[in-house]
Amino acid sequence: MANDIKRGEAILSLKPDSTFILRDNVLEWLDSEQTKPTESEIDAEIIKLQAEYDSKEYARKRKAKYDALNQFELISDDAINGTTTHKDAIVAIKAAHPKP
């Protein structure tokens, strides 16, 4: 599940609510309130944001599996039948996609 952090995302992370135009990777700074970030600051922020995104891959995989479950029905069935189907499904998902 790849996600490449874009320069615009990095700039907004560094300088929230800033005003700029990014065209063909050329940054035109329009903000008179904030200073323009340097290329090295932008590059470092891209690396930081990508690392943060990559570190949460397990959570995105878990969420996709959780969303595929009909959890309310499983919980209800477990309450009626005295089973642990819902709990077992959650434990299996967590085991398949462990938190680092």
C-alpha atoms as a PDB file:
ATOM      1  CA  MET A   1       0.000   0.000   0.000  1.00  0.00           C
ATOM      2  CA  ALA A   2       2.385   2.667  -1.205  1.00  0.00           C
ATOM      3  CA  ASN A   3       1.906   6.345  -0.642  1.00  0.00           C
ATOM      4  CA  ASP A   4       4.445   8.835  -1.893  1.00  0.00           C
ATOM      5  CA  ILE A   5       4.410  12.000   0.161  1.00  0.00           C
ATOM      6  CA  LYS A   6       4.177  14.951  -2.209  1.00  0.00           C
ATOM      7  CA  ARG A   7       6.067  18.225  -1.918  1.00  0.00           C
ATOM      8  CA  GLY A   8       2.843  20.159  -1.362  1.00  0.00           C
ATOM      9  CA  GLU A   9       1.957  17.945   1.621  1.00  0.00           C
ATOM     10  CA  ALA A  10       5.401  18.515   3.092  1.00  0.00           C
ATOM     11  CA  ILE A  11       5.194  22.275   2.598  1.00  0.00           C
ATOM     12  CA  LEU A  12       1.782  22.427   4.281  1.00  0.00           C
ATOM     13  CA  SER A  13       3.089  20.305   7.119  1.00  0.00           C
ATOM     14  CA  LEU A  14       5.982  22.706   7.624  1.00  0.00           C
ATOM     15  CA  LYS A  15       3.991  25.879   7.018  1.00  0.00           C
ATOM     16  CA  PRO A  16       0.289  25.282   7.769  1.00  0.00           C
ATOM     17  CA  ASP A  17      -2.127  27.673   6.076  1.00  0.00           C
ATOM     18  CA  SER A  18       0.631  29.037   3.858  1.00  0.00           C
ATOM     19  CA  THR A  19      -0.014  30.443   0.406  1.00  0.00           C
ATOM     20  CA  PHE A  20       2.039  29.130  -2.476  1.00  0.00           C
ATOM     21  CA  ILE A  21       1.905  27.732  -5.977  1.00  0.00           C
ATOM     22  CA  LEU A  22       3.696  24.511  -6.819  1.00  0.00           C
ATOM     23  CA  ARG A  23       3.941  23.996 -10.558  1.00  0.00           C
ATOM     24  CA  ASP A  24       6.188  21.332 -12.086  1.00  0.00           C
ATOM     25  CA  ASN A  25       7.976  21.064  -8.713  1.00  0.00           C
ATOM     26  CA  VAL A  26       8.822  24.781  -8.795  1.00  0.00           C
ATOM     27  CA  LEU A  27       7.714  26.556  -5.632  1.00  0.00           C
ATOM     28  CA  GLU A  28       6.413  30.100  -5.914  1.00  0.00           C
ATOM     29  CA  TRP A  29       5.998  31.501  -2.412  1.00  0.00           C
ATOM     30  CA  LEU A  30       3.075  33.909  -2.048  1.00  0.00           C
ATOM     31  CA  ASP A  31       2.839  34.025   1.738  1.00  0.00           C
ATOM     32  CA  SER A  32       3.864  37.289   3.378  1.00  0.00           C
ATOM     33  CA  GLU A  33       3.265  35.960   6.912  1.00  0.00           C
ATOM     34  CA  GLN A  34       5.493  32.874   6.835  1.00  0.00           C
ATOM     35  CA  THR A  35       8.991  32.389   5.508  1.00  0.00           C
ATOM     36  CA  LYS A  36       9.546  30.124   2.532  1.00  0.00           C
ATOM     37  CA  PRO A  37      10.894  26.710   3.552  1.00  0.00           C
ATOM     38  CA  THR A  38      14.263  25.683   2.142  1.00  0.00           C
ATOM     39  CA  GLU A  39      14.627  22.744  -0.223  1.00  0.00           C
ATOM     40  CA  SER A  40      16.447  20.790   2.477  1.00  0.00           C
ATOM     41  CA  GLU A  41      13.622  21.478   4.961  1.00  0.00           C
ATOM     42  CA  ILE A  42      11.070  20.243   2.419  1.00  0.00           C
ATOM     43  CA  ASP A  43      13.129  17.138   1.607  1.00  0.00           C
ATOM     44  CA  ALA A  44      13.561  16.338   5.322  1.00  0.00           C
ATOM     45  CA  GLU A  45       9.822  16.790   5.903  1.00  0.00           C
ATOM     46  CA  ILE A  46       9.006  14.427   3.018  1.00  0.00           C
ATOM     47  CA  ILE A  47      11.251  11.786   4.608  1.00  0.00           C
ATOM     48  CA  LYS A  48       9.660  12.336   8.036  1.00  0.00           C
ATOM     49  CA  LEU A  49       6.087  12.194   6.727  1.00  0.00           C
ATOM     50  CA  GLN A  50       6.831   9.089   4.636  1.00  0.00           C
ATOM     51  CA  ALA A  51       8.323   7.343   7.680  1.00  0.00           C
ATOM     52  CA  GLU A  52       5.240   8.217   9.743  1.00  0.00           C
ATOM     53  CA  TYR A  53       2.964   6.891   6.987  1.00  0.00           C
ATOM     54  CA  ASP A  54       4.985   3.691   6.590  1.00  0.00           C
ATOM     55  CA  SER A  55       5.008   3.048  10.357  1.00  0.00           C
ATOM     56  CA  LYS A  56       1.202   2.849  10.376  1.00  0.00           C
ATOM     57  CA  GLU A  57       0.858   0.232   7.643  1.00  0.00           C
ATOM     58  CA  TYR A  58      -0.227  -2.408  10.169  1.00  0.00           C
ATOM     59  CA  ALA A  59      -3.099  -0.142  11.289  1.00  0.00           C
ATOM     60  CA  ARG A  60      -4.319   0.405   7.723  1.00  0.00           C
ATOM     61  CA  LYS A  61      -4.267  -3.357   7.093  1.00  0.00           C
ATOM     62  CA  ARG A  62      -6.115  -4.044  10.344  1.00  0.00           C
ATOM     63  CA  LYS A  63      -8.750  -1.430   9.533  1.00  0.00           C
ATOM     64  CA  ALA A  64      -9.432  -2.993   6.150  1.00  0.00           C
ATOM     65  CA  LYS A  65      -9.988  -6.366   7.819  1.00  0.00           C
ATOM     66  CA  TYR A  66     -12.105  -4.870  10.628  1.00  0.00           C
ATOM     67  CA  ASP A  67     -14.255  -3.088   8.062  1.00  0.00           C
ATOM     68  CA  ALA A  68     -14.867  -6.394   6.289  1.00  0.00           C
ATOM     69  CA  LEU A  69     -16.308  -7.931   9.461  1.00  0.00           C
ATOM     70  CA  ASN A  70     -19.966  -7.606  10.298  1.00  0.00           C
ATOM     71  CA  GLN A  71     -19.020  -6.748  13.876  1.00  0.00           C
ATOM     72  CA  PHE A  72     -22.455  -5.905  15.257  1.00  0.00           C
ATOM     73  CA  GLU A  73     -23.843  -9.191  14.015  1.00  0.00           C
ATOM     74  CA  LEU A  74     -20.881 -11.126  15.399  1.00  0.00           C
ATOM     75  CA  ILE A  75     -21.224  -9.434  18.804  1.00  0.00           C
ATOM     76  CA  SER A  76     -24.961 -10.074  18.867  1.00  0.00           C
ATOM     77  CA  ASP A  77     -24.551 -13.713  17.837  1.00  0.00           C
ATOM     78  CA  ASP A  78     -21.863 -14.190  20.487  1.00  0.00           C
ATOM     79  CA  ALA A  79     -24.169 -12.751  23.179  1.00  0.00           C
ATOM     80  CA  ILE A  80     -27.039 -15.010  22.119  1.00  0.00           C
ATOM     81  CA  ASN A  81     -24.976 -18.164  21.552  1.00  0.00           C
ATOM     82  CA  GLY A  82     -22.346 -17.742  24.264  1.00  0.00           C
ATOM     83  CA  THR A  83     -19.571 -17.863  21.666  1.00  0.00           C
ATOM     84  CA  THR A  84     -16.440 -15.769  21.119  1.00  0.00           C
ATOM     85  CA  THR A  85     -16.500 -15.464  17.335  1.00  0.00           C
ATOM     86  CA  HIS A  86     -16.080 -11.675  17.346  1.00  0.00           C
ATOM     87  CA  LYS A  87     -13.245 -11.709  19.875  1.00  0.00           C
ATOM     88  CA  ASP A  88     -11.531 -14.546  17.980  1.00  0.00           C
ATOM     89  CA  ALA A  89     -11.781 -12.626  14.689  1.00  0.00           C
ATOM     90  CA  ILE A  90     -10.241  -9.500  16.250  1.00  0.00           C
ATOM     91  CA  VAL A  91      -7.411 -11.513  17.832  1.00  0.00           C
ATOM     92  CA  ALA A  92      -6.712 -13.204  14.478  1.00  0.00           C
ATOM     93  CA  ILE A  93      -6.562  -9.861  12.656  1.00  0.00           C
ATOM     94  CA  LYS A  94      -4.180  -8.444  15.252  1.00  0.00           C
ATOM     95  CA  ALA A  95      -1.999 -11.561  15.016  1.00  0.00           C
ATOM     96  CA  ALA A  96      -1.903 -11.332  11.215  1.00  0.00           C
ATOM     97  CA  HIS A  97      -0.988  -7.629  11.299  1.00  0.00           C
ATOM     98  CA  PRO A  98       1.011  -7.061  14.505  1.00  0.00           C
ATOM     99  CA  LYS A  99       1.910  -3.646  15.792  1.00  0.00           C
ATOM    100  CA  PRO A 100       5.658  -3.139  15.356  1.00  0.00           C
END
